[in-house]
């Protein structure tokens, strides 16, 4: 579904990604793990068009995304749930969700899709009329994910969905990612909680200093000595 080849990208003169390449098969959960500053978020931002690639290709269902604008990439079926949620705090939860259906192809389906995501996220349904800024961190993250699903994505990218959440809510967040995958949506996940992520993922890639250094199934990476020492502390 998504194929990254020899990707270079960065900010100004700083080249963060240095020849990154990986695959995200349709219907799978794929994760990128690595230390802070390794280039994980830059990878997601480059796929979504927020950062321009300087070389390489990003193919989604056979089409190169590199020359498309962010809204055009969303139209193709690629949506990103950003780190920090980035909701509109003084809009209601309902209005935040409807903002997720702004792309042309999603608008006619907005009300039907709203009903569907509220079935998936009953807690969000309970908060529908509240200001988004009044919700807890976990509830806001669920709203952010539900808003992403309102666009009708084929590929949903998560950037640190458990950041700042309590251990109990972290467990719930990974359950939400499983639910998204069961809906038939392909998932690309960036997450600092390496153990939970690799337990969840079908396949994973280790990104270090802007390069992919290891890959394998989630189970294989959990057993890898380098991963265990560098990211799991044993």
Protein backbone atom coordinates (compact mmCIF):
# COMPACT_ATOMS: atom_id res chain seq x y z
CA UNK A 1 0.00 0.00 0.00
CA UNK A 2 2.71 2.50 1.06
CA UNK A 3 6.23 2.18 -0.28
CA UNK A 4 9.04 4.51 0.81
CA UNK A 5 12.24 4.47 -1.26
CA UNK A 6 15.58 6.16 -0.47
CA UNK A 7 13.84 9.09 1.22
CA UNK A 8 15.76 12.24 2.17
CA UNK A 9 14.08 15.14 3.98
CA UNK A 10 14.74 17.69 6.70
CA UNK A 11 14.49 21.29 7.79
CA UNK A 12 16.55 23.97 6.06
CA UNK A 13 20.09 22.68 5.69
CA UNK A 14 19.55 19.92 8.25
CA UNK A 15 18.97 16.58 6.51
CA UNK A 16 17.07 14.48 9.06
CA UNK A 17 16.14 11.50 6.86
CA UNK A 18 19.06 9.96 5.03
CA UNK A 19 17.88 7.31 2.62
CA UNK A 20 14.91 5.91 4.57
CA UNK A 21 13.05 3.03 2.97
CA UNK A 22 10.23 0.77 4.20
CA UNK A 23 6.90 -0.79 3.28
CA UNK A 24 3.45 -0.64 4.87
CA UNK A 25 1.27 -3.50 3.54
CA UNK A 26 -2.47 -3.01 3.33
CA UNK A 27 -4.41 -4.05 6.42
CA UNK A 28 -1.37 -4.26 8.69
CA UNK A 29 -0.09 -2.35 11.73
CA UNK A 30 3.47 -1.17 11.06
CA UNK A 31 5.56 0.74 13.58
CA UNK A 32 8.61 2.98 13.45
CA UNK A 33 10.62 2.94 16.67
CA UNK A 34 13.71 4.90 17.63
CA UNK A 35 15.09 7.45 20.07
CA UNK A 36 14.02 11.08 20.17
CA UNK A 37 15.53 12.89 17.20
CA UNK A 38 15.89 9.76 15.10
CA UNK A 39 13.53 11.11 12.43
CA UNK A 40 10.26 9.31 13.20
CA UNK A 41 8.02 12.37 13.25
CA UNK A 42 9.85 13.85 10.27
CA UNK A 43 9.04 10.65 8.37
CA UNK A 44 5.32 11.01 9.11
CA UNK A 45 5.36 14.71 8.26
CA UNK A 46 7.09 14.00 4.97
CA UNK A 47 4.55 11.32 4.05
CA UNK A 48 1.71 13.74 4.88
CA UNK A 49 3.29 16.56 2.87
CA UNK A 50 4.10 18.88 5.78
CA UNK A 51 7.82 18.45 5.08
CA UNK A 52 9.08 18.27 1.50
CA UNK A 53 11.26 15.35 0.45
CA UNK A 54 14.56 16.42 -1.13
CA UNK A 55 15.09 13.01 -2.75
CA UNK A 56 13.48 9.60 -2.97
CA UNK A 57 9.86 8.55 -3.43
CA UNK A 58 6.72 7.99 -1.39
CA UNK A 59 4.26 5.81 -3.26
CA UNK A 60 0.76 5.25 -1.95
CA UNK A 61 -1.21 2.72 -3.96
CA UNK A 62 1.14 3.31 -6.87
CA UNK A 63 1.00 7.12 -6.84
CA UNK A 64 3.96 9.28 -5.80
CA UNK A 65 2.88 11.65 -3.01
CA UNK A 66 6.04 13.77 -3.02
CA UNK A 67 4.67 16.50 -5.28
CA UNK A 68 1.22 16.67 -3.71
CA UNK A 69 0.03 19.23 -1.16
CA UNK A 70 -1.09 18.04 2.31
CA UNK A 71 -4.82 18.38 1.53
CA UNK A 72 -4.34 16.42 -1.70
CA UNK A 73 -2.64 13.64 0.24
CA UNK A 74 -5.60 13.51 2.65
CA UNK A 75 -7.88 13.28 -0.39
CA UNK A 76 -5.91 10.21 -1.50
CA UNK A 77 -6.71 8.49 1.82
CA UNK A 78 -3.72 9.26 4.05
CA UNK A 79 -4.45 10.92 7.41
CA UNK A 80 -2.14 11.76 10.32
CA UNK A 81 -3.05 12.00 14.02
CA UNK A 82 -0.45 14.54 15.19
CA UNK A 83 1.49 14.50 18.42
CA UNK A 84 -0.20 16.68 21.04
CA UNK A 85 -3.70 16.09 19.58
CA UNK A 86 -4.05 19.68 18.21
CA UNK A 87 -7.79 19.97 18.77
CA UNK A 88 -9.72 23.23 18.64
CA UNK A 89 -10.20 23.72 22.40
CA UNK A 90 -13.07 26.22 22.22
CA UNK A 91 -15.11 24.25 19.70
CA UNK A 92 -17.41 21.44 20.78
CA UNK A 93 -16.33 17.84 20.39
CA UNK A 94 -18.92 17.47 17.64
CA UNK A 95 -17.52 20.43 15.70
CA UNK A 96 -13.98 19.08 16.10
CA UNK A 97 -15.10 15.77 14.64
CA UNK A 98 -16.87 17.42 11.70
CA UNK A 99 -13.65 19.33 10.94
CA UNK A 100 -12.15 15.94 10.15
CA UNK A 101 -14.60 15.54 7.26
CA UNK A 102 -13.51 18.70 5.47
CA UNK A 103 -12.15 16.91 2.38
CA UNK A 104 -14.55 16.96 -0.58
CA UNK A 105 -15.10 13.21 -0.76
CA UNK A 106 -15.84 12.97 2.98
CA UNK A 107 -18.44 15.75 3.24
CA UNK A 108 -21.42 13.83 1.84
CA UNK A 109 -20.66 11.01 4.29
CA UNK A 110 -20.03 13.25 7.31
CA UNK A 111 -23.19 12.50 9.32
CA UNK A 112 -23.12 8.77 8.60
CA UNK A 113 -19.42 8.61 9.45
CA UNK A 114 -20.05 10.60 12.64
CA UNK A 115 -22.57 8.02 13.78
CA UNK A 116 -20.08 5.26 13.03
CA UNK A 117 -17.14 6.78 14.93
CA UNK A 118 -19.40 7.51 17.91
CA UNK A 119 -20.29 3.81 18.01
CA UNK A 120 -16.56 3.03 18.13
CA UNK A 121 -15.87 5.72 20.75
CA UNK A 122 -18.82 5.79 23.18
CA UNK A 123 -16.85 8.00 25.59
CA UNK A 124 -16.56 10.61 22.85
CA UNK A 125 -20.32 10.40 22.25
CA UNK A 126 -20.90 11.22 25.93
CA UNK A 127 -18.80 14.40 25.53
CA UNK A 128 -20.22 15.51 22.20
CA UNK A 129 -21.49 18.92 23.31
CA UNK A 130 -18.56 19.81 25.58
CA UNK A 131 -15.68 22.06 24.59
CA UNK A 132 -12.79 19.86 23.45
CA UNK A 133 -10.43 21.77 25.75
CA UNK A 134 -12.41 20.71 28.81
CA UNK A 135 -11.74 16.99 28.26
CA UNK A 136 -9.06 14.89 29.92
CA UNK A 137 -5.91 14.03 28.00
CA UNK A 138 -7.13 10.54 27.22
CA UNK A 139 -10.51 11.78 26.04
CA UNK A 140 -8.86 14.42 23.85
CA UNK A 141 -6.69 11.74 22.25
CA UNK A 142 -9.79 9.68 21.46
CA UNK A 143 -11.39 12.76 19.88
CA UNK A 144 -8.24 13.31 17.81
CA UNK A 145 -8.34 9.73 16.55
CA UNK A 146 -12.08 9.88 15.87
CA UNK A 147 -11.54 13.14 13.96
CA UNK A 148 -8.89 11.42 11.85
CA UNK A 149 -11.31 8.62 11.05
CA UNK A 150 -13.91 11.15 9.90
CA UNK A 151 -11.80 11.71 6.77
CA UNK A 152 -12.38 8.09 5.74
CA UNK A 153 -8.66 7.21 5.62
CA UNK A 154 -7.21 4.09 4.04
CA UNK A 155 -3.95 4.71 5.95
CA UNK A 156 -3.98 6.29 9.42
CA UNK A 157 -0.66 7.49 10.87
CA UNK A 158 -0.28 7.97 14.63
CA UNK A 159 2.43 10.20 16.12
CA UNK A 160 2.96 9.35 19.80
CA UNK A 161 -0.69 8.63 20.71
CA UNK A 162 0.12 7.64 24.32
CA UNK A 163 2.27 10.70 25.08
CA UNK A 164 1.38 12.20 28.46
CA UNK A 165 -1.20 9.55 29.35
CA UNK A 166 -1.34 7.52 32.56
CA UNK A 167 -0.37 3.82 32.38
CA UNK A 168 -4.04 2.77 32.44
CA UNK A 169 -4.90 5.14 29.61
CA UNK A 170 -1.87 3.94 27.64
CA UNK A 171 -3.39 0.44 27.65
CA UNK A 172 -6.70 1.88 26.48
CA UNK A 173 -4.97 3.82 23.70
CA UNK A 174 -3.38 0.69 22.29
CA UNK A 175 -6.82 -0.96 22.40
CA UNK A 176 -8.11 1.96 20.33
CA UNK A 177 -5.36 1.41 17.74
CA UNK A 178 -6.40 -2.26 17.54
CA UNK A 179 -10.00 -1.17 17.02
CA UNK A 180 -8.96 1.14 14.19
CA UNK A 181 -7.10 -1.73 12.50
CA UNK A 182 -10.13 -4.00 12.87
CA UNK A 183 -12.11 -1.38 10.94
CA UNK A 184 -9.93 -2.25 7.94
CA UNK A 185 -7.73 0.83 8.21
CA UNK A 186 -3.99 0.32 7.67
CA UNK A 187 -1.91 1.78 10.54
CA UNK A 188 1.54 3.37 10.65
CA UNK A 189 2.43 3.97 14.30
CA UNK A 190 5.19 6.07 15.85
CA UNK A 191 5.32 5.53 19.60
CA UNK A 192 7.86 5.80 22.44
CA UNK A 193 6.31 2.90 24.33
CA UNK A 194 8.37 0.31 22.48
CA UNK A 195 7.23 -2.80 24.35
CA UNK A 196 3.50 -2.23 23.85
CA UNK A 197 4.07 -1.08 20.28
CA UNK A 198 6.00 -4.18 19.21
CA UNK A 199 3.46 -6.43 20.95
CA UNK A 200 0.79 -4.78 18.83
CA UNK A 201 2.56 -4.36 15.49
CA UNK A 202 2.60 -6.86 12.64
CA UNK A 203 5.90 -5.42 11.47
CA UNK A 204 8.40 -2.85 12.68
CA UNK A 205 11.38 -0.78 11.61
CA UNK A 206 14.09 0.71 13.83
CA UNK A 207 15.10 4.23 12.81
CA UNK A 208 18.41 5.60 14.09
CA UNK A 209 20.06 8.84 12.96
CA UNK A 210 17.78 9.12 9.97
CA UNK A 211 18.35 5.59 8.67
CA UNK A 212 16.53 2.26 9.01
CA UNK A 213 18.95 -0.07 10.84
CA UNK A 214 16.71 -3.04 11.68
CA UNK A 215 13.40 -4.50 10.58
CA UNK A 216 11.29 -7.54 11.35
CA UNK A 217 7.99 -8.68 12.80
CA UNK A 218 6.98 -7.17 16.12
CA UNK A 219 7.88 -10.44 17.87
CA UNK A 220 11.28 -10.63 16.14
CA UNK A 221 12.20 -7.10 17.17
CA UNK A 222 11.09 -7.75 20.76
CA UNK A 223 13.62 -10.58 20.87
CA UNK A 224 16.38 -8.67 19.10
CA UNK A 225 19.37 -8.04 21.43
CA UNK A 226 19.96 -4.50 20.11
CA UNK A 227 16.31 -3.52 20.56
CA UNK A 228 16.19 -5.07 24.03
CA UNK A 229 19.32 -3.20 25.16
CA UNK A 230 18.64 0.16 23.48
CA UNK A 231 14.88 0.48 23.93
CA UNK A 232 13.71 -2.00 26.56
CA UNK A 233 16.52 -1.58 29.11
CA UNK A 234 17.60 -5.22 29.26
